[in-house]
Amino acid sequence: MNIGVVLSGCGVYDGSEIHEAVSTLLAIEQNGGHYSCFAPNIIQHHTINHKTGEETKEKRNVLVESARIARGNIADISSARIDLLDGLVIPGGFGAAKNLTKWAFEGPDGEIISELRKLIIDMVAEGKPVVGLCMGPTVIAKAFQGTGLSIKLTVGNTTDDSPYDITEISDAMNSTGAVSEMKSIKEICFDEDNLVITAPCYMMEASILEVYNNAKMAIDKMFEVLNNQ
């Protein structure tokens, strides 16, 4: 089975969250699958010094930066073909909300890359599972905004510790027509009707092991769905 993995750069503050992305690739292979990585061929919104947290003057390309994680084996998102994919995964990181969409700056009113929106919608329409980790669910919520389809999603919960405002993000997803559910780092959200699987990962205060286990739980569920089709 071939799973598409959509990356948004390299590094949590301006691209894909590396731990989540690598956990995704590993879990796909652990399930006997193959992955195909994709990213948009665009200049990323900005570049962050991950040591200081400060913005730099560097200009970086999302596809080129994502190739660091994919070890060069990556293609432009515009070349992704639904007939060659059995599932789709969107890891988190601020790149999901800065490069794949503009959620970080405009909330649910921000734009989404049109090719990615079509890919997500078409995957669900074809009954192929879609997984969103961390901030990935906001990309899925944005994709279905205005379609009339209410997707169940999670970015975490308001009970456990989180470095982010889970209430604000959940409410914003609800405003797109999605239905937010509260889940812990040990849980996933499974929309059985639409085959959409989401997991909080680093939206919650968590160790790398907890994040790996959470991401693997989501990928395992995706393969359970595929194996039962």
Protein backbone atom coordinates (compact mmCIF):
# COMPACT_ATOMS: atom_id res chain seq x y z
CA MET A 1 0.00 0.00 0.00
CA ASN A 2 1.29 3.44 -0.93
CA ILE A 3 0.69 6.26 1.55
CA GLY A 4 1.17 9.89 0.59
CA VAL A 5 2.87 12.03 3.24
CA VAL A 6 2.51 15.80 2.85
CA LEU A 7 5.43 17.76 4.31
CA SER A 8 5.60 21.52 4.85
CA GLY A 9 9.31 22.21 5.35
CA CYS A 10 11.86 21.03 7.90
CA GLY A 11 11.55 22.11 11.53
CA VAL A 12 8.68 22.65 13.92
CA TYR A 13 8.58 26.47 13.88
CA ASP A 14 8.56 27.01 10.12
CA GLY A 15 7.97 23.58 8.57
CA SER A 16 7.08 19.99 9.39
CA GLU A 17 7.59 18.74 12.94
CA ILE A 18 10.50 16.36 12.36
CA HIS A 19 9.70 13.88 15.14
CA GLU A 20 6.13 13.54 13.89
CA ALA A 21 7.19 13.24 10.26
CA VAL A 22 9.81 10.57 10.95
CA SER A 23 7.45 8.69 13.27
CA THR A 24 4.92 8.68 10.43
CA LEU A 25 7.38 7.27 7.89
CA LEU A 26 8.57 4.63 10.35
CA ALA A 27 5.05 3.56 11.32
CA ILE A 28 4.04 3.23 7.66
CA GLU A 29 6.91 0.83 7.01
CA GLN A 30 6.24 -1.03 10.26
CA ASN A 31 2.76 -1.72 8.87
CA GLY A 32 4.23 -3.10 5.66
CA GLY A 33 3.41 -0.03 3.62
CA HIS A 34 5.35 2.29 1.33
CA TYR A 35 5.37 6.05 1.55
CA SER A 36 5.55 8.77 -1.10
CA CYS A 37 6.46 12.23 0.16
CA PHE A 38 5.08 15.43 -1.31
CA ALA A 39 5.44 19.14 -0.60
CA PRO A 40 4.49 22.38 -2.35
CA ASN A 41 7.18 23.95 -4.52
CA ILE A 42 6.88 27.40 -2.96
CA ILE A 43 8.92 29.76 -0.81
CA GLN A 44 8.06 29.14 2.84
CA HIS A 45 6.45 31.99 4.76
CA HIS A 46 9.59 32.71 6.76
CA THR A 47 12.60 30.99 8.28
CA ILE A 48 13.05 30.57 12.02
CA ASN A 49 16.31 30.04 13.87
CA HIS A 50 15.33 26.97 15.89
CA LYS A 51 17.98 27.71 18.51
CA THR A 52 16.80 31.24 19.36
CA GLY A 53 13.25 31.23 18.03
CA GLU A 54 13.99 34.39 16.07
CA GLU A 55 13.09 35.01 12.44
CA THR A 56 16.00 35.19 10.00
CA LYS A 57 16.36 36.86 6.59
CA GLU A 58 16.84 33.55 4.78
CA LYS A 59 14.48 32.52 1.99
CA ARG A 60 13.86 28.80 1.82
CA ASN A 61 11.80 26.60 -0.50
CA VAL A 62 9.25 24.27 1.13
CA LEU A 63 9.92 21.40 -1.29
CA VAL A 64 13.69 21.69 -0.94
CA GLU A 65 13.51 21.87 2.86
CA SER A 66 11.08 18.95 3.04
CA ALA A 67 13.55 16.90 0.99
CA ARG A 68 15.82 16.91 4.07
CA ILE A 69 13.30 14.72 5.89
CA ALA A 70 12.50 12.60 2.83
CA ARG A 71 16.22 12.08 2.06
CA GLY A 72 15.62 13.63 -1.36
CA ASN A 73 12.85 11.23 -2.38
CA ILE A 74 10.04 13.75 -2.69
CA ALA A 75 7.79 15.27 -5.36
CA ASP A 76 5.80 18.45 -5.90
CA ILE A 77 2.32 18.22 -4.39
CA SER A 78 0.90 19.11 -7.79
CA SER A 79 2.10 15.74 -9.12
CA ALA A 80 0.27 13.66 -6.49
CA ARG A 81 -2.16 11.23 -8.14
CA ILE A 82 -5.03 9.86 -6.11
CA ASP A 83 -5.11 6.65 -8.16
CA LEU A 84 -1.57 5.88 -6.96
CA LEU A 85 -2.28 6.55 -3.28
CA ASP A 86 -4.10 4.37 -0.75
CA GLY A 87 -3.99 6.88 2.10
CA LEU A 88 -2.72 10.33 3.01
CA VAL A 89 -0.95 11.71 6.11
CA ILE A 90 -0.34 15.34 7.09
CA PRO A 91 2.16 15.63 9.98
CA GLY A 92 2.11 18.77 12.11
CA GLY A 93 4.49 21.59 12.76
CA PHE A 94 3.87 25.28 12.18
CA GLY A 95 4.56 24.74 8.48
CA ALA A 96 1.13 23.15 8.20
CA ALA A 97 -0.38 26.44 9.37
CA LYS A 98 2.11 28.73 7.61
CA ASN A 99 2.94 27.03 4.32
CA LEU A 100 0.13 24.58 3.56
CA THR A 101 -2.45 27.07 4.81
CA LYS A 102 -2.37 30.54 6.33
CA TRP A 103 -4.13 29.38 9.50
CA ALA A 104 -1.34 30.74 11.72
CA PHE A 105 -2.02 34.28 10.51
CA GLU A 106 -5.69 34.37 9.52
CA GLY A 107 -7.20 31.40 11.32
CA PRO A 108 -9.86 29.50 9.36
CA ASP A 109 -10.14 32.45 6.93
CA GLY A 110 -6.61 31.82 5.67
CA GLU A 111 -6.07 30.25 2.26
CA ILE A 112 -5.11 26.62 1.65
CA ILE A 113 -2.99 25.39 -1.25
CA SER A 114 -5.56 24.50 -3.90
CA GLU A 115 -3.87 21.27 -5.05
CA LEU A 116 -3.74 20.00 -1.47
CA ARG A 117 -7.37 20.89 -0.84
CA LYS A 118 -8.46 18.94 -3.91
CA LEU A 119 -6.27 15.98 -2.94
CA ILE A 120 -7.75 15.78 0.56
CA ILE A 121 -11.34 16.10 -0.68
CA ASP A 122 -10.81 13.52 -3.42
CA MET A 123 -9.20 11.03 -1.03
CA VAL A 124 -12.18 11.18 1.30
CA ALA A 125 -14.62 11.00 -1.59
CA GLU A 126 -12.90 7.82 -2.79
CA GLY A 127 -13.08 6.25 0.68
CA LYS A 128 -9.33 6.47 1.23
CA PRO A 129 -8.21 7.27 4.81
CA VAL A 130 -6.68 10.64 5.65
CA VAL A 131 -4.58 11.20 8.79
CA GLY A 132 -3.77 14.54 10.43
CA LEU A 133 -1.26 14.90 13.27
CA CYS A 134 -0.82 17.88 15.61
CA MET A 135 -1.78 20.94 13.48
CA GLY A 136 -2.53 18.70 10.50
CA PRO A 137 -6.23 18.53 11.44
CA THR A 138 -6.57 22.28 10.82
CA VAL A 139 -5.49 21.67 7.21
CA ILE A 140 -8.20 19.00 6.88
CA ALA A 141 -10.78 21.31 8.47
CA LYS A 142 -9.86 24.07 6.04
CA ALA A 143 -10.04 21.70 3.07
CA PHE A 144 -13.66 20.83 3.82
CA GLN A 145 -14.78 24.35 4.68
CA GLY A 146 -17.83 25.17 2.61
CA THR A 147 -18.38 21.62 1.37
CA GLY A 148 -21.16 20.81 3.82
CA LEU A 149 -19.25 17.81 5.13
CA SER A 150 -18.66 17.80 8.89
CA ILE A 151 -15.44 15.99 9.73
CA LYS A 152 -14.68 14.86 13.29
CA LEU A 153 -11.19 16.04 14.27
CA THR A 154 -9.00 16.57 17.32
CA VAL A 155 -6.04 18.76 18.23
CA GLY A 156 -5.96 17.60 21.85
CA ASN A 157 -7.91 18.45 24.97
CA THR A 158 -8.33 21.21 27.52
CA THR A 159 -7.76 18.98 30.55
CA ASP A 160 -4.12 17.99 30.10
CA ASP A 161 -1.18 20.38 29.76
CA SER A 162 -0.64 21.97 26.37
CA PRO A 163 1.65 24.78 25.14
CA TYR A 164 -1.19 25.96 22.89
CA ASP A 165 -4.72 27.29 23.23
CA ILE A 166 -6.65 24.11 22.43
CA THR A 167 -10.00 25.81 22.98
CA GLU A 168 -9.23 28.56 20.47
CA ILE A 169 -8.00 26.15 17.79
CA SER A 170 -10.88 23.73 18.36
CA ASP A 171 -13.44 26.54 18.16
CA ALA A 172 -11.81 27.78 14.95
CA MET A 173 -12.05 24.30 13.42
CA ASN A 174 -15.71 24.16 14.44
CA SER A 175 -16.28 27.44 12.60
CA THR A 176 -15.26 25.73 9.35
CA GLY A 177 -17.98 23.12 9.81
CA ALA A 178 -15.76 20.50 11.44
CA VAL A 179 -16.61 18.85 14.76
CA SER A 180 -13.81 19.06 17.34
CA GLU A 181 -13.38 16.27 19.86
CA MET A 182 -11.25 16.34 23.00
CA LYS A 183 -8.57 13.63 23.00
CA SER A 184 -5.44 13.01 25.07
CA ILE A 185 -1.94 12.15 23.86
CA LYS A 186 -2.90 8.51 24.40
CA GLU A 187 -5.94 8.73 22.12
CA ILE A 188 -6.89 9.33 18.52
CA CYS A 189 -10.07 10.61 16.91
CA PHE A 190 -11.59 8.37 14.24
CA ASP A 191 -14.32 9.71 11.96
CA GLU A 192 -15.73 6.37 10.88
CA ASP A 193 -18.05 7.87 8.25
CA ASN A 194 -15.33 9.79 6.42
CA LEU A 195 -12.28 7.66 7.36
CA VAL A 196 -10.41 10.63 8.81
CA ILE A 197 -8.01 9.90 11.68
CA THR A 198 -6.41 12.60 13.81
CA ALA A 199 -4.03 12.62 16.79
CA PRO A 200 -2.82 15.43 19.10
CA CYS A 201 0.91 14.57 19.17
CA TYR A 202 2.92 17.71 20.08
CA MET A 203 -0.19 19.84 20.51
CA MET A 204 0.01 18.44 24.03
CA GLU A 205 2.94 18.47 26.45
CA ALA A 206 4.52 15.16 25.55
CA SER A 207 7.79 13.26 25.27
CA ILE A 208 9.12 12.01 21.96
CA LEU A 209 8.07 8.48 22.96
CA GLU A 210 4.52 9.61 23.69
CA VAL A 211 4.41 11.43 20.35
CA TYR A 212 5.72 8.40 18.49
CA ASN A 213 3.16 6.15 20.17
CA ASN A 214 0.36 8.60 19.35
CA ALA A 215 1.42 8.95 15.72
CA LYS A 216 1.79 5.17 15.38
CA MET A 217 -1.67 4.70 16.86
CA ALA A 218 -3.07 6.88 14.06
CA ILE A 219 -1.08 5.11 11.33
CA ASP A 220 -2.00 1.69 12.73
CA LYS A 221 -5.66 2.72 12.55
CA MET A 222 -5.22 3.82 8.94
CA PHE A 223 -3.82 0.40 8.01
CA GLU A 224 -6.60 -1.32 9.94
CA VAL A 225 -9.08 0.57 7.78
CA LEU A 226 -7.19 -0.29 4.58
CA ASN A 227 -6.85 -3.96 5.48
CA ASN A 228 -10.59 -4.20 6.14
CA GLN A 229 -11.64 -2.61 2.84
